[in-house]
Amino acid sequence: MADITASMVKELRELTGLGMMECKKALVEASGDIKAAEDLLRIKSGAKASKAASRIAAEGVIGAHISVGNKAAALVEVNCETDFVAKNEDFIKFSNDLAALVVAKKLTDTAALGDAKLPNGETVENCRKELVMKLGENISVRRCAHHVTEGRLTSYLHGTKIGVLVDSAGGDEALGKDLAMHIAASKPICVSKDQVSAELLERERQIFVAQAAESGKPANIVEKMVEGRVAKYLAEVTLLGQPFVKNPDQTIEKLLDEKSAKVNGFSMFVVGEGIEKKTEDFAAEVKAQQEQVNANKAS
């Protein structure tokens, strides 16, 4: 049997929001495979999809820039080690300068961005190294997004940790801002259900099938249950299917129809999304597990 470490249990708890002992048991059953254990827990508990996308696991900021006329825009994520450096004025300026450079040079990846020159004549990579020397932390340019449109681009920053760009047509500037703020709050993965990857949809479907099968209902009822859950899932993860945050009685699709507008696409960056921090205190985690065991025995 694979060794189940405290860090594995903690990671699974963060993914599912379920209890420590439930997570440990699932890991044992899955021989230490976190993804398989997550699926087991979702099947047994009906838990929703992974919470990892909303977890901030590294420090840094999102830099944003939008051109005059709202026809080109960019987001850049720059990471550092501590929140203290993330609040540093030079660090924030560096991030915003990079976003402006992405727009000016029409860049699409961080490799090209590293070689590009800032207005002062220095390459981005040299400026990054100088900032590392000055601030005393590892600094990395993680990713960038560049949008060009015939419609309107709208940007929204929630503090410095979440950045959104929305490419829309029709409507007005206020609608664009509402859409960007909605995306920051509700975090859709794409605009419409036809853009959800077949692989992701199949994984969710298999979990729903397993959940419905445990109900013991006839096959035809199970099939209807699965289709209902798939439809609900698609509404939850797609922009058009989500209830508008300012008016939950109205979906984004209906809002756009009302305004004779459409969304061509969007980008959303959340600082540290998908990056795991090191677990600093394994002893405390193990102690917490043992306390939970003792509590269960006592009850």
C-alpha atoms as a PDB file:
ATOM      1  CA  MET A   1       0.000   0.000   0.000  1.00  0.00           C
ATOM      2  CA  ALA A   2       1.276   3.482  -0.860  1.00  0.00           C
ATOM      3  CA  ASP A   3       2.338   5.717   2.034  1.00  0.00           C
ATOM      4  CA  ILE A   4      -0.364   8.329   2.613  1.00  0.00           C
ATOM      5  CA  THR A   5       1.331  11.537   3.754  1.00  0.00           C
ATOM      6  CA  ALA A   6      -0.198  14.452   5.584  1.00  0.00           C
ATOM      7  CA  SER A   7       0.453  16.703   2.590  1.00  0.00           C
ATOM      8  CA  MET A   8      -1.519  14.340   0.330  1.00  0.00           C
ATOM      9  CA  VAL A   9      -4.462  14.407   2.729  1.00  0.00           C
ATOM     10  CA  LYS A  10      -4.289  18.189   2.926  1.00  0.00           C
ATOM     11  CA  GLU A  11      -4.231  18.563  -0.861  1.00  0.00           C
ATOM     12  CA  LEU A  12      -7.271  16.297  -1.236  1.00  0.00           C
ATOM     13  CA  ARG A  13      -9.140  18.216   1.460  1.00  0.00           C
ATOM     14  CA  GLU A  14      -8.489  21.476  -0.413  1.00  0.00           C
ATOM     15  CA  LEU A  15      -9.683  19.902  -3.658  1.00  0.00           C
ATOM     16  CA  THR A  16     -12.915  18.521  -2.239  1.00  0.00           C
ATOM     17  CA  GLY A  17     -13.678  20.460   0.933  1.00  0.00           C
ATOM     18  CA  LEU A  18     -14.311  17.148   2.732  1.00  0.00           C
ATOM     19  CA  GLY A  19     -13.084  15.885   6.102  1.00  0.00           C
ATOM     20  CA  MET A  20      -9.583  14.688   6.897  1.00  0.00           C
ATOM     21  CA  MET A  21     -10.481  11.083   7.665  1.00  0.00           C
ATOM     22  CA  GLU A  22     -12.721  10.793   4.586  1.00  0.00           C
ATOM     23  CA  CYS A  23      -9.849  12.026   2.443  1.00  0.00           C
ATOM     24  CA  LYS A  24      -7.333   9.688   4.049  1.00  0.00           C
ATOM     25  CA  LYS A  25      -9.629   6.695   3.560  1.00  0.00           C
ATOM     26  CA  ALA A  26     -10.156   7.588  -0.100  1.00  0.00           C
ATOM     27  CA  LEU A  27      -6.404   7.905  -0.643  1.00  0.00           C
ATOM     28  CA  VAL A  28      -5.846   4.476   0.888  1.00  0.00           C
ATOM     29  CA  GLU A  29      -8.546   3.027  -1.367  1.00  0.00           C
ATOM     30  CA  ALA A  30      -6.999   4.727  -4.405  1.00  0.00           C
ATOM     31  CA  SER A  31      -3.464   3.597  -3.486  1.00  0.00           C
ATOM     32  CA  GLY A  32      -2.299   7.180  -3.108  1.00  0.00           C
ATOM     33  CA  ASP A  33      -3.603   8.440  -6.467  1.00  0.00           C
ATOM     34  CA  ILE A  34      -5.000  11.887  -5.612  1.00  0.00           C
ATOM     35  CA  LYS A  35      -7.028  12.275  -8.811  1.00  0.00           C
ATOM     36  CA  ALA A  36      -8.611   8.830  -8.378  1.00  0.00           C
ATOM     37  CA  ALA A  37      -9.290   9.569  -4.703  1.00  0.00           C
ATOM     38  CA  GLU A  38     -10.985  12.833  -5.632  1.00  0.00           C
ATOM     39  CA  ASP A  39     -13.252  10.996  -8.067  1.00  0.00           C
ATOM     40  CA  LEU A  40     -14.100   8.391  -5.398  1.00  0.00           C
ATOM     41  CA  LEU A  41     -15.078  11.092  -2.919  1.00  0.00           C
ATOM     42  CA  ARG A  42     -17.174  12.918  -5.475  1.00  0.00           C
ATOM     43  CA  ILE A  43     -19.005   9.715  -6.353  1.00  0.00           C
ATOM     44  CA  LYS A  44     -19.709   8.877  -2.707  1.00  0.00           C
ATOM     45  CA  SER A  45     -20.450  12.355  -1.394  1.00  0.00           C
ATOM     46  CA  GLY A  46     -21.844  14.182  -4.408  1.00  0.00           C
ATOM     47  CA  ALA A  47     -19.192  16.849  -3.929  1.00  0.00           C
ATOM     48  CA  LYS A  48     -18.803  19.368  -6.727  1.00  0.00           C
ATOM     49  CA  ALA A  49     -15.862  19.669  -9.088  1.00  0.00           C
ATOM     50  CA  SER A  50     -12.365  20.482  -7.891  1.00  0.00           C
ATOM     51  CA  LYS A  51     -11.993  23.667  -5.870  1.00  0.00           C
ATOM     52  CA  ALA A  52      -8.380  24.038  -6.988  1.00  0.00           C
ATOM     53  CA  ALA A  53      -9.229  26.739  -9.522  1.00  0.00           C
ATOM     54  CA  SER A  54     -10.241  29.178  -6.789  1.00  0.00           C
ATOM     55  CA  ARG A  55      -7.257  28.430  -4.550  1.00  0.00           C
ATOM     56  CA  ILE A  56      -4.467  31.019  -4.449  1.00  0.00           C
ATOM     57  CA  ALA A  57      -1.273  29.026  -3.914  1.00  0.00           C
ATOM     58  CA  ALA A  58       1.459  31.542  -4.800  1.00  0.00           C
ATOM     59  CA  GLU A  59       2.067  35.247  -4.426  1.00  0.00           C
ATOM     60  CA  GLY A  60       2.260  37.878  -7.137  1.00  0.00           C
ATOM     61  CA  VAL A  61       0.095  40.248  -9.148  1.00  0.00           C
ATOM     62  CA  ILE A  62      -1.819  40.484 -12.402  1.00  0.00           C
ATOM     63  CA  GLY A  63      -0.702  43.310 -14.664  1.00  0.00           C
ATOM     64  CA  ALA A  64      -3.211  44.667 -17.167  1.00  0.00           C
ATOM     65  CA  HIS A  65      -3.127  47.087 -20.084  1.00  0.00           C
ATOM     66  CA  ILE A  66      -5.774  48.133 -22.577  1.00  0.00           C
ATOM     67  CA  SER A  67      -5.116  50.282 -25.640  1.00  0.00           C
ATOM     68  CA  VAL A  68      -6.773  53.569 -26.506  1.00  0.00           C
ATOM     69  CA  GLY A  69      -9.986  52.639 -28.282  1.00  0.00           C
ATOM     70  CA  ASN A  70     -10.289  49.311 -26.440  1.00  0.00           C
ATOM     71  CA  LYS A  71      -9.188  47.263 -29.466  1.00  0.00           C
ATOM     72  CA  ALA A  72      -6.143  45.539 -27.939  1.00  0.00           C
ATOM     73  CA  ALA A  73      -5.402  44.459 -24.380  1.00  0.00           C
ATOM     74  CA  ALA A  74      -3.240  42.140 -22.310  1.00  0.00           C
ATOM     75  CA  LEU A  75      -2.953  40.405 -18.962  1.00  0.00           C
ATOM     76  CA  VAL A  76       0.327  39.258 -17.425  1.00  0.00           C
ATOM     77  CA  GLU A  77       0.870  37.201 -14.266  1.00  0.00           C
ATOM     78  CA  VAL A  78       4.119  37.832 -12.411  1.00  0.00           C
ATOM     79  CA  ASN A  79       4.884  35.690  -9.357  1.00  0.00           C
ATOM     80  CA  CYS A  80       7.043  36.235  -6.304  1.00  0.00           C
ATOM     81  CA  GLU A  81       7.562  34.462  -2.985  1.00  0.00           C
ATOM     82  CA  THR A  82       5.797  36.706  -0.464  1.00  0.00           C
ATOM     83  CA  ASP A  83       2.831  39.035  -0.276  1.00  0.00           C
ATOM     84  CA  PHE A  84       5.214  41.726   1.001  1.00  0.00           C
ATOM     85  CA  VAL A  85       7.034  41.834  -2.349  1.00  0.00           C
ATOM     86  CA  ALA A  86       3.722  41.530  -4.238  1.00  0.00           C
ATOM     87  CA  LYS A  87       2.794  44.925  -2.746  1.00  0.00           C
ATOM     88  CA  ASN A  88       6.079  46.557  -3.722  1.00  0.00           C
ATOM     89  CA  GLU A  89       5.612  49.518  -6.102  1.00  0.00           C
ATOM     90  CA  ASP A  90       8.503  48.474  -8.375  1.00  0.00           C
ATOM     91  CA  PHE A  91       7.140  44.948  -8.633  1.00  0.00           C
ATOM     92  CA  ILE A  92       3.635  46.184  -9.516  1.00  0.00           C
ATOM     93  CA  LYS A  93       5.045  48.667 -12.052  1.00  0.00           C
ATOM     94  CA  PHE A  94       7.088  45.886 -13.668  1.00  0.00           C
ATOM     95  CA  SER A  95       3.948  43.789 -14.074  1.00  0.00           C
ATOM     96  CA  ASN A  96       1.943  46.609 -15.641  1.00  0.00           C
ATOM     97  CA  ASP A  97       4.866  47.556 -17.918  1.00  0.00           C
ATOM     98  CA  LEU A  98       4.935  43.969 -19.179  1.00  0.00           C
ATOM     99  CA  ALA A  99       1.216  44.064 -19.999  1.00  0.00           C
ATOM    100  CA  ALA A 100       1.739  47.272 -21.983  1.00  0.00           C
ATOM    101  CA  LEU A 101       4.681  45.666 -23.798  1.00  0.00           C
ATOM    102  CA  VAL A 102       2.574  42.624 -24.749  1.00  0.00           C
ATOM    103  CA  VAL A 103       0.063  44.965 -26.401  1.00  0.00           C
ATOM    104  CA  ALA A 104       2.718  47.130 -28.099  1.00  0.00           C
ATOM    105  CA  LYS A 105       4.679  44.169 -29.497  1.00  0.00           C
ATOM    106  CA  LYS A 106       1.664  41.870 -30.039  1.00  0.00           C
ATOM    107  CA  LEU A 107       3.290  39.098 -28.008  1.00  0.00           C
ATOM    108  CA  THR A 108       1.617  35.778 -27.294  1.00  0.00           C
ATOM    109  CA  ASP A 109       4.014  33.877 -24.999  1.00  0.00           C
ATOM    110  CA  THR A 110       6.409  34.490 -22.128  1.00  0.00           C
ATOM    111  CA  ALA A 111       9.488  33.323 -24.088  1.00  0.00           C
ATOM    112  CA  ALA A 112       9.043  36.157 -26.588  1.00  0.00           C
ATOM    113  CA  LEU A 113       8.187  38.524 -23.735  1.00  0.00           C
ATOM    114  CA  GLY A 114      11.449  37.723 -21.941  1.00  0.00           C
ATOM    115  CA  ASP A 115      13.461  38.731 -25.008  1.00  0.00           C
ATOM    116  CA  ALA A 116      11.442  41.883 -25.707  1.00  0.00           C
ATOM    117  CA  LYS A 117      12.793  45.306 -24.766  1.00  0.00           C
ATOM    118  CA  LEU A 118      11.067  47.734 -22.417  1.00  0.00           C
ATOM    119  CA  PRO A 119      11.000  51.483 -23.184  1.00  0.00           C
ATOM    120  CA  ASN A 120      14.245  51.934 -21.180  1.00  0.00           C
ATOM    121  CA  GLY A 121      16.071  49.671 -23.666  1.00  0.00           C
ATOM    122  CA  GLU A 122      16.525  46.770 -21.241  1.00  0.00           C
ATOM    123  CA  THR A 123      15.163  43.326 -22.020  1.00  0.00           C
ATOM    124  CA  VAL A 124      12.401  42.019 -19.791  1.00  0.00           C
ATOM    125  CA  GLU A 125      14.685  39.212 -18.624  1.00  0.00           C
ATOM    126  CA  ASN A 126      17.429  41.621 -17.542  1.00  0.00           C
ATOM    127  CA  CYS A 127      14.895  43.796 -15.715  1.00  0.00           C
ATOM    128  CA  ARG A 128      13.511  40.699 -13.998  1.00  0.00           C
ATOM    129  CA  LYS A 129      17.006  39.737 -12.794  1.00  0.00           C
ATOM    130  CA  GLU A 130      17.640  43.265 -11.526  1.00  0.00           C
ATOM    131  CA  LEU A 131      14.356  43.153  -9.621  1.00  0.00           C
ATOM    132  CA  VAL A 132      15.350  39.810  -8.081  1.00  0.00           C
ATOM    133  CA  MET A 133      18.622  41.368  -6.878  1.00  0.00           C
ATOM    134  CA  LYS A 134      16.842  44.439  -5.519  1.00  0.00           C
ATOM    135  CA  LEU A 135      13.931  42.701  -3.775  1.00  0.00           C
ATOM    136  CA  GLY A 136      15.725  39.523  -2.718  1.00  0.00           C
ATOM    137  CA  GLU A 137      13.092  37.068  -3.955  1.00  0.00           C
ATOM    138  CA  ASN A 138      12.658  34.762  -6.896  1.00  0.00           C
ATOM    139  CA  ILE A 139      10.454  36.502  -9.468  1.00  0.00           C
ATOM    140  CA  SER A 140       8.976  34.790 -12.500  1.00  0.00           C
ATOM    141  CA  VAL A 141       6.851  35.884 -15.430  1.00  0.00           C
ATOM    142  CA  ARG A 142       4.385  33.019 -15.544  1.00  0.00           C
ATOM    143  CA  ARG A 143       1.932  33.719 -18.372  1.00  0.00           C
ATOM    144  CA  CYS A 144       0.399  36.362 -20.596  1.00  0.00           C
ATOM    145  CA  ALA A 145      -2.737  36.781 -22.707  1.00  0.00           C
ATOM    146  CA  HIS A 146      -3.128  39.108 -25.672  1.00  0.00           C
ATOM    147  CA  HIS A 147      -6.479  40.024 -27.220  1.00  0.00           C
ATOM    148  CA  VAL A 148      -7.255  42.000 -30.375  1.00  0.00           C
ATOM    149  CA  THR A 149     -10.836  42.655 -31.434  1.00  0.00           C
ATOM    150  CA  GLU A 150     -13.102  44.465 -33.856  1.00  0.00           C
ATOM    151  CA  GLY A 151     -15.569  44.853 -30.980  1.00  0.00           C
ATOM    152  CA  ARG A 152     -14.725  46.168 -27.507  1.00  0.00           C
ATOM    153  CA  LEU A 153     -12.235  44.923 -24.921  1.00  0.00           C
ATOM    154  CA  THR A 154     -12.941  45.550 -21.261  1.00  0.00           C
ATOM    155  CA  SER A 155     -10.566  44.843 -18.387  1.00  0.00           C
ATOM    156  CA  TYR A 156     -11.249  44.356 -14.696  1.00  0.00           C
ATOM    157  CA  LEU A 157      -8.826  43.831 -11.833  1.00  0.00           C
ATOM    158  CA  HIS A 158     -10.074  42.564  -8.490  1.00  0.00           C
ATOM    159  CA  GLY A 159      -7.317  44.027  -6.367  1.00  0.00           C
ATOM    160  CA  THR A 160      -4.135  42.675  -7.940  1.00  0.00           C
ATOM    161  CA  LYS A 161      -4.956  38.974  -7.605  1.00  0.00           C
ATOM    162  CA  ILE A 162      -7.637  38.431 -10.284  1.00  0.00           C
ATOM    163  CA  GLY A 163      -7.540  39.915 -13.768  1.00  0.00           C
ATOM    164  CA  VAL A 164     -10.152  39.611 -16.523  1.00  0.00           C
ATOM    165  CA  LEU A 165     -10.317  40.672 -20.171  1.00  0.00           C
ATOM    166  CA  VAL A 166     -13.611  40.400 -22.047  1.00  0.00           C
ATOM    167  CA  ASP A 167     -13.983  40.664 -25.808  1.00  0.00           C
ATOM    168  CA  SER A 168     -17.572  41.691 -26.559  1.00  0.00           C
ATOM    169  CA  ALA A 169     -19.622  43.132 -29.396  1.00  0.00           C
ATOM    170  CA  GLY A 170     -22.732  45.287 -28.985  1.00  0.00           C
ATOM    171  CA  GLY A 171     -23.944  46.717 -25.724  1.00  0.00           C
ATOM    172  CA  ASP A 172     -21.985  49.494 -24.043  1.00  0.00           C
ATOM    173  CA  GLU A 173     -18.982  50.041 -21.785  1.00  0.00           C
ATOM    174  CA  ALA A 174     -21.063  49.438 -18.649  1.00  0.00           C
ATOM    175  CA  LEU A 175     -22.112  46.010 -19.948  1.00  0.00           C
ATOM    176  CA  GLY A 176     -18.494  45.118 -20.640  1.00  0.00           C
ATOM    177  CA  LYS A 177     -17.532  46.037 -17.086  1.00  0.00           C
ATOM    178  CA  ASP A 178     -20.448  44.048 -15.669  1.00  0.00           C
ATOM    179  CA  LEU A 179     -19.389  41.010 -17.700  1.00  0.00           C
ATOM    180  CA  ALA A 180     -15.769  41.293 -16.557  1.00  0.00           C
ATOM    181  CA  MET A 181     -16.782  41.613 -12.907  1.00  0.00           C
ATOM    182  CA  HIS A 182     -19.156  38.671 -13.267  1.00  0.00           C
ATOM    183  CA  ILE A 183     -16.374  36.493 -14.694  1.00  0.00           C
ATOM    184  CA  ALA A 184     -14.060  37.449 -11.815  1.00  0.00           C
ATOM    185  CA  ALA A 185     -16.768  36.465  -9.322  1.00  0.00           C
ATOM    186  CA  SER A 186     -18.213  33.341 -10.971  1.00  0.00           C
ATOM    187  CA  LYS A 187     -15.105  32.029 -12.771  1.00  0.00           C
ATOM    188  CA  PRO A 188     -16.584  30.315 -15.847  1.00  0.00           C
ATOM    189  CA  ILE A 189     -14.163  28.137 -17.815  1.00  0.00           C
ATOM    190  CA  CYS A 190     -15.421  29.179 -21.267  1.00  0.00           C
ATOM    191  CA  VAL A 191     -18.162  31.157 -23.003  1.00  0.00           C
ATOM    192  CA  SER A 192     -20.540  28.409 -24.179  1.00  0.00           C
ATOM    193  CA  LYS A 193     -21.150  24.700 -23.634  1.00  0.00           C
ATOM    194  CA  ASP A 194     -19.789  23.726 -27.055  1.00  0.00           C
ATOM    195  CA  GLN A 195     -16.382  25.007 -25.870  1.00  0.00           C
ATOM    196  CA  VAL A 196     -16.174  22.597 -22.896  1.00  0.00           C
ATOM    197  CA  SER A 197     -13.538  19.996 -23.726  1.00  0.00           C
ATOM    198  CA  ALA A 198     -14.812  16.504 -24.523  1.00  0.00           C
ATOM    199  CA  GLU A 199     -12.332  15.027 -22.038  1.00  0.00           C
ATOM    200  CA  LEU A 200     -13.541  17.186 -19.147  1.00  0.00           C
ATOM    201  CA  LEU A 201     -17.197  16.573 -19.987  1.00  0.00           C
ATOM    202  CA  GLU A 202     -16.651  12.808 -20.190  1.00  0.00           C
ATOM    203  CA  ARG A 203     -14.958  12.774 -16.796  1.00  0.00           C
ATOM    204  CA  GLU A 204     -17.856  14.644 -15.219  1.00  0.00           C
ATOM    205  CA  ARG A 205     -20.360  12.387 -16.968  1.00  0.00           C
ATOM    206  CA  GLN A 206     -18.696   9.227 -15.626  1.00  0.00           C
ATOM    207  CA  ILE A 207     -18.807  10.631 -12.100  1.00  0.00           C
ATOM    208  CA  PHE A 208     -22.481  11.508 -12.488  1.00  0.00           C
ATOM    209  CA  VAL A 209     -23.179   7.997 -13.833  1.00  0.00           C
ATOM    210  CA  ALA A 210     -21.503   6.437 -10.798  1.00  0.00           C
ATOM    211  CA  GLN A 211     -23.364   8.754  -8.417  1.00  0.00           C
ATOM    212  CA  ALA A 212     -26.738   8.027 -10.048  1.00  0.00           C
ATOM    213  CA  ALA A 213     -26.102   4.269 -10.138  1.00  0.00           C
ATOM    214  CA  GLU A 214     -25.717   4.233  -6.348  1.00  0.00           C
ATOM    215  CA  SER A 215     -29.292   5.484  -6.045  1.00  0.00           C
ATOM    216  CA  GLY A 216     -30.554   2.028  -7.036  1.00  0.00           C
ATOM    217  CA  LYS A 217     -33.108   3.512  -9.438  1.00  0.00           C
ATOM    218  CA  PRO A 218     -34.032   1.890 -12.800  1.00  0.00           C
ATOM    219  CA  ALA A 219     -31.680   2.441 -15.753  1.00  0.00           C
ATOM    220  CA  ASN A 220     -34.033   4.821 -17.569  1.00  0.00           C
ATOM    221  CA  ILE A 221     -34.323   7.005 -14.458  1.00  0.00           C
ATOM    222  CA  VAL A 222     -30.556   6.897 -13.957  1.00  0.00           C
ATOM    223  CA  GLU A 223     -30.073   8.082 -17.539  1.00  0.00           C
ATOM    224  CA  LYS A 224     -32.380  11.047 -16.966  1.00  0.00           C
ATOM    225  CA  MET A 225     -30.589  11.864 -13.706  1.00  0.00           C
ATOM    226  CA  VAL A 226     -27.233  11.865 -15.481  1.00  0.00           C
ATOM    227  CA  GLU A 227     -28.436  14.100 -18.299  1.00  0.00           C
ATOM    228  CA  GLY A 228     -29.935  16.510 -15.782  1.00  0.00           C
ATOM    229  CA  ARG A 229     -26.676  16.716 -13.859  1.00  0.00           C
ATOM    230  CA  VAL A 230     -24.654  17.206 -17.042  1.00  0.00           C
ATOM    231  CA  ALA A 231     -26.945  20.080 -18.055  1.00  0.00           C
ATOM    232  CA  LYS A 232     -26.583  21.630 -14.605  1.00  0.00           C
ATOM    233  CA  TYR A 233     -22.800  21.272 -14.736  1.00  0.00           C
ATOM    234  CA  LEU A 234     -22.627  22.977 -18.141  1.00  0.00           C
ATOM    235  CA  ALA A 235     -24.734  25.860 -16.834  1.00  0.00           C
ATOM    236  CA  GLU A 236     -22.409  26.247 -13.849  1.00  0.00           C
ATOM    237  CA  VAL A 237     -19.115  26.344 -15.777  1.00  0.00           C
ATOM    238  CA  THR A 238     -20.087  28.303 -18.911  1.00  0.00           C
ATOM    239  CA  LEU A 239     -20.489  32.066 -19.002  1.00  0.00           C
ATOM    240  CA  LEU A 240     -23.743  31.994 -20.970  1.00  0.00           C
ATOM    241  CA  GLY A 241     -25.356  29.501 -18.600  1.00  0.00           C
ATOM    242  CA  GLN A 242     -24.468  31.251 -15.339  1.00  0.00           C
ATOM    243  CA  PRO A 243     -26.914  33.446 -13.396  1.00  0.00           C
ATOM    244  CA  PHE A 244     -25.818  37.086 -13.645  1.00  0.00           C
ATOM    245  CA  VAL A 245     -24.254  38.104 -10.310  1.00  0.00           C
ATOM    246  CA  LYS A 246     -26.191  41.391 -10.249  1.00  0.00           C
ATOM    247  CA  ASN A 247     -29.488  39.666 -11.082  1.00  0.00           C
ATOM    248  CA  PRO A 248     -29.485  35.910 -10.336  1.00  0.00           C
ATOM    249  CA  ASP A 249     -32.926  35.563 -11.950  1.00  0.00           C
ATOM    250  CA  GLN A 250     -31.337  36.323 -15.313  1.00  0.00           C
ATOM    251  CA  THR A 251     -28.653  34.265 -17.071  1.00  0.00           C
ATOM    252  CA  ILE A 252     -25.778  35.936 -18.878  1.00  0.00           C
ATOM    253  CA  GLU A 253     -27.208  34.594 -22.138  1.00  0.00           C
ATOM    254  CA  LYS A 254     -30.498  36.398 -21.507  1.00  0.00           C
ATOM    255  CA  LEU A 255     -28.657  39.553 -20.438  1.00  0.00           C
ATOM    256  CA  LEU A 256     -26.727  39.571 -23.716  1.00  0.00           C
ATOM    257  CA  ASP A 257     -29.893  38.973 -25.739  1.00  0.00           C
ATOM    258  CA  GLU A 258     -31.556  41.890 -23.941  1.00  0.00           C
ATOM    259  CA  LYS A 259     -28.615  44.152 -24.832  1.00  0.00           C
ATOM    260  CA  SER A 260     -28.242  42.796 -28.398  1.00  0.00           C
ATOM    261  CA  ALA A 261     -24.672  41.871 -27.518  1.00  0.00           C
ATOM    262  CA  LYS A 262     -22.387  38.852 -27.588  1.00  0.00           C
ATOM    263  CA  VAL A 263     -19.145  37.703 -25.971  1.00  0.00           C
ATOM    264  CA  ASN A 264     -16.442  36.605 -28.407  1.00  0.00           C
ATOM    265  CA  GLY A 265     -14.106  35.380 -25.688  1.00  0.00           C
ATOM    266  CA  PHE A 266     -12.386  36.202 -22.421  1.00  0.00           C
ATOM    267  CA  SER A 267      -9.257  35.569 -20.381  1.00  0.00           C
ATOM    268  CA  MET A 268      -9.094  35.325 -16.611  1.00  0.00           C
ATOM    269  CA  PHE A 269      -5.931  35.013 -14.532  1.00  0.00           C
ATOM    270  CA  VAL A 270      -5.968  34.208 -10.817  1.00  0.00           C
ATOM    271  CA  VAL A 271      -2.618  34.662  -9.102  1.00  0.00           C
ATOM    272  CA  GLY A 272      -1.081  31.310  -8.231  1.00  0.00           C
ATOM    273  CA  GLU A 273      -3.837  29.275  -9.839  1.00  0.00           C
ATOM    274  CA  GLY A 274      -2.627  25.678 -10.102  1.00  0.00           C
ATOM    275  CA  ILE A 275       0.647  26.309  -8.255  1.00  0.00           C
ATOM    276  CA  GLU A 276       1.120  24.387  -5.021  1.00  0.00           C
ATOM    277  CA  LYS A 277       2.848  25.997  -2.067  1.00  0.00           C
ATOM    278  CA  LYS A 278       5.177  23.847  -0.023  1.00  0.00           C
ATOM    279  CA  THR A 279       3.584  22.468   3.123  1.00  0.00           C
ATOM    280  CA  GLU A 280       5.659  24.071   5.844  1.00  0.00           C
ATOM    281  CA  ASP A 281       4.594  22.091   8.903  1.00  0.00           C
ATOM    282  CA  PHE A 282       4.102  18.366   8.366  1.00  0.00           C
ATOM    283  CA  ALA A 283       4.287  17.689  12.111  1.00  0.00           C
ATOM    284  CA  ALA A 284       1.309  19.954  12.785  1.00  0.00           C
ATOM    285  CA  GLU A 285      -0.660  18.268  10.024  1.00  0.00           C
ATOM    286  CA  VAL A 286       0.064  14.782  11.417  1.00  0.00           C
ATOM    287  CA  LYS A 287      -0.851  15.966  14.907  1.00  0.00           C
ATOM    288  CA  ALA A 288      -4.156  17.322  13.612  1.00  0.00           C
ATOM    289  CA  GLN A 289      -4.911  13.970  11.989  1.00  0.00           C
ATOM    290  CA  GLN A 290      -4.216  12.111  15.236  1.00  0.00           C
ATOM    291  CA  GLU A 291      -6.409  14.506  17.210  1.00  0.00           C
ATOM    292  CA  GLN A 292      -9.233  13.802  14.755  1.00  0.00           C
ATOM    293  CA  VAL A 293      -8.717  10.040  15.223  1.00  0.00           C
ATOM    294  CA  ASN A 294      -8.827  10.423  18.995  1.00  0.00           C
ATOM    295  CA  ALA A 295     -11.941  12.580  18.793  1.00  0.00           C
ATOM    296  CA  ASN A 296     -13.678   9.958  16.657  1.00  0.00           C
ATOM    297  CA  LYS A 297     -12.769   7.224  19.147  1.00  0.00           C
ATOM    298  CA  ALA A 298     -14.063   9.296  22.043  1.00  0.00           C
ATOM    299  CA  SER A 299     -17.386   9.852  20.316  1.00  0.00           C
END
